[in-house]
Amino acid sequence: MPHQTSDCRLRLVQSKSGRFFVQFNFQGKRYRFANGSVLGLDLHPNRGPISSRRAVATELLMAFEDQGTRPLPWLSWTWPF
């Protein structure tokens, strides 16, 4: 059985192409979110101008942190872990 890590910290990551994601690992799987649709929010950091993407992505990260106790419907857990 492969070693499974649970790095449950929310992180803001930027790909080599300049796209931003909120990312975390849970039970050996990586989860990446590029927008706020899973939280019911209209946040799309990668659609705006390059100069404002980091600010909108940070807002998305804070939204995930603020919605922490709200369950994600397709996962069987809630924040915080």
Protein backbone atom coordinates (compact mmCIF):
# COMPACT_ATOMS: atom_id res chain seq x y z
CA MET A 1 0.00 0.00 0.00
CA PRO A 2 1.47 3.39 -0.94
CA HIS A 3 2.24 5.90 1.76
CA GLN A 4 -0.62 8.36 2.07
CA THR A 5 -0.05 11.81 3.43
CA SER A 6 -2.70 14.22 4.54
CA ASP A 7 -1.37 17.70 3.99
CA CYS A 8 -4.61 19.48 4.78
CA ARG A 9 -3.23 23.01 4.63
CA LEU A 10 -4.91 25.22 2.10
CA ARG A 11 -2.33 26.75 -0.22
CA LEU A 12 -2.42 29.22 -3.04
CA VAL A 13 -0.29 27.87 -5.90
CA GLN A 14 0.60 29.30 -9.29
CA SER A 15 1.30 27.07 -12.26
CA LYS A 16 4.12 27.70 -14.71
CA SER A 17 1.55 29.10 -17.12
CA GLY A 18 0.46 31.71 -14.55
CA ARG A 19 -2.84 30.16 -13.48
CA PHE A 20 -3.75 30.23 -9.77
CA PHE A 21 -5.31 27.42 -7.74
CA VAL A 22 -6.30 26.73 -4.16
CA GLN A 23 -4.73 23.37 -3.40
CA PHE A 24 -4.60 20.82 -0.59
CA ASN A 25 -3.95 17.11 -0.16
CA PHE A 26 -6.35 14.83 1.67
CA GLN A 27 -6.01 11.08 2.13
CA GLY A 28 -3.31 10.86 -0.49
CA LYS A 29 -5.20 12.82 -3.14
CA ARG A 30 -4.50 16.32 -4.39
CA TYR A 31 -7.43 18.69 -4.73
CA ARG A 32 -7.13 21.89 -6.77
CA PHE A 33 -9.79 24.53 -7.21
CA ALA A 34 -9.46 27.25 -9.86
CA ASN A 35 -12.72 29.01 -9.00
CA GLY A 36 -15.32 29.38 -6.26
CA SER A 37 -18.14 27.38 -7.85
CA VAL A 38 -17.85 24.54 -5.32
CA LEU A 39 -18.60 27.11 -2.61
CA GLY A 40 -21.37 28.74 -4.61
CA LEU A 41 -19.26 31.85 -5.26
CA ASP A 42 -18.62 33.70 -8.50
CA LEU A 43 -14.83 33.94 -8.12
CA HIS A 44 -12.74 33.22 -11.22
CA PRO A 45 -9.19 34.48 -10.71
CA ASN A 46 -7.86 33.09 -14.00
CA ARG A 47 -10.40 34.93 -16.16
CA GLY A 48 -9.30 38.43 -15.23
CA PRO A 49 -6.30 40.45 -16.32
CA ILE A 50 -2.95 39.01 -15.32
CA SER A 51 -2.22 42.00 -13.10
CA SER A 52 -5.21 41.29 -10.83
CA ARG A 53 -5.16 37.48 -10.74
CA ARG A 54 -3.19 37.14 -7.52
CA ALA A 55 -5.57 39.45 -5.64
CA VAL A 56 -8.66 37.53 -6.80
CA ALA A 57 -6.92 34.20 -6.10
CA THR A 58 -6.13 35.38 -2.57
CA GLU A 59 -9.79 36.27 -2.15
CA LEU A 60 -10.64 32.72 -3.27
CA LEU A 61 -8.23 31.26 -0.72
CA MET A 62 -9.81 33.37 2.04
CA ALA A 63 -13.27 32.21 0.91
CA PHE A 64 -12.19 28.58 1.34
CA GLU A 65 -10.83 29.40 4.80
CA ASP A 66 -14.01 31.31 5.76
CA GLN A 67 -16.32 28.57 4.50
CA GLY A 68 -14.26 26.06 6.44
CA THR A 69 -17.03 24.41 8.38
CA ARG A 70 -19.25 24.05 5.32
CA PRO A 71 -19.13 20.52 3.86
CA LEU A 72 -18.18 20.04 0.26
CA PRO A 73 -20.98 17.89 -1.20
CA TRP A 74 -18.75 15.39 -3.01
CA LEU A 75 -16.40 14.78 -0.07
CA SER A 76 -17.27 13.26 3.27
CA TRP A 77 -15.52 15.83 5.46
CA THR A 78 -15.73 19.41 6.54
CA TRP A 79 -13.17 22.05 7.49
CA PRO A 80 -11.24 22.04 9.69
CA PHE A 81 -9.83 18.55 9.49
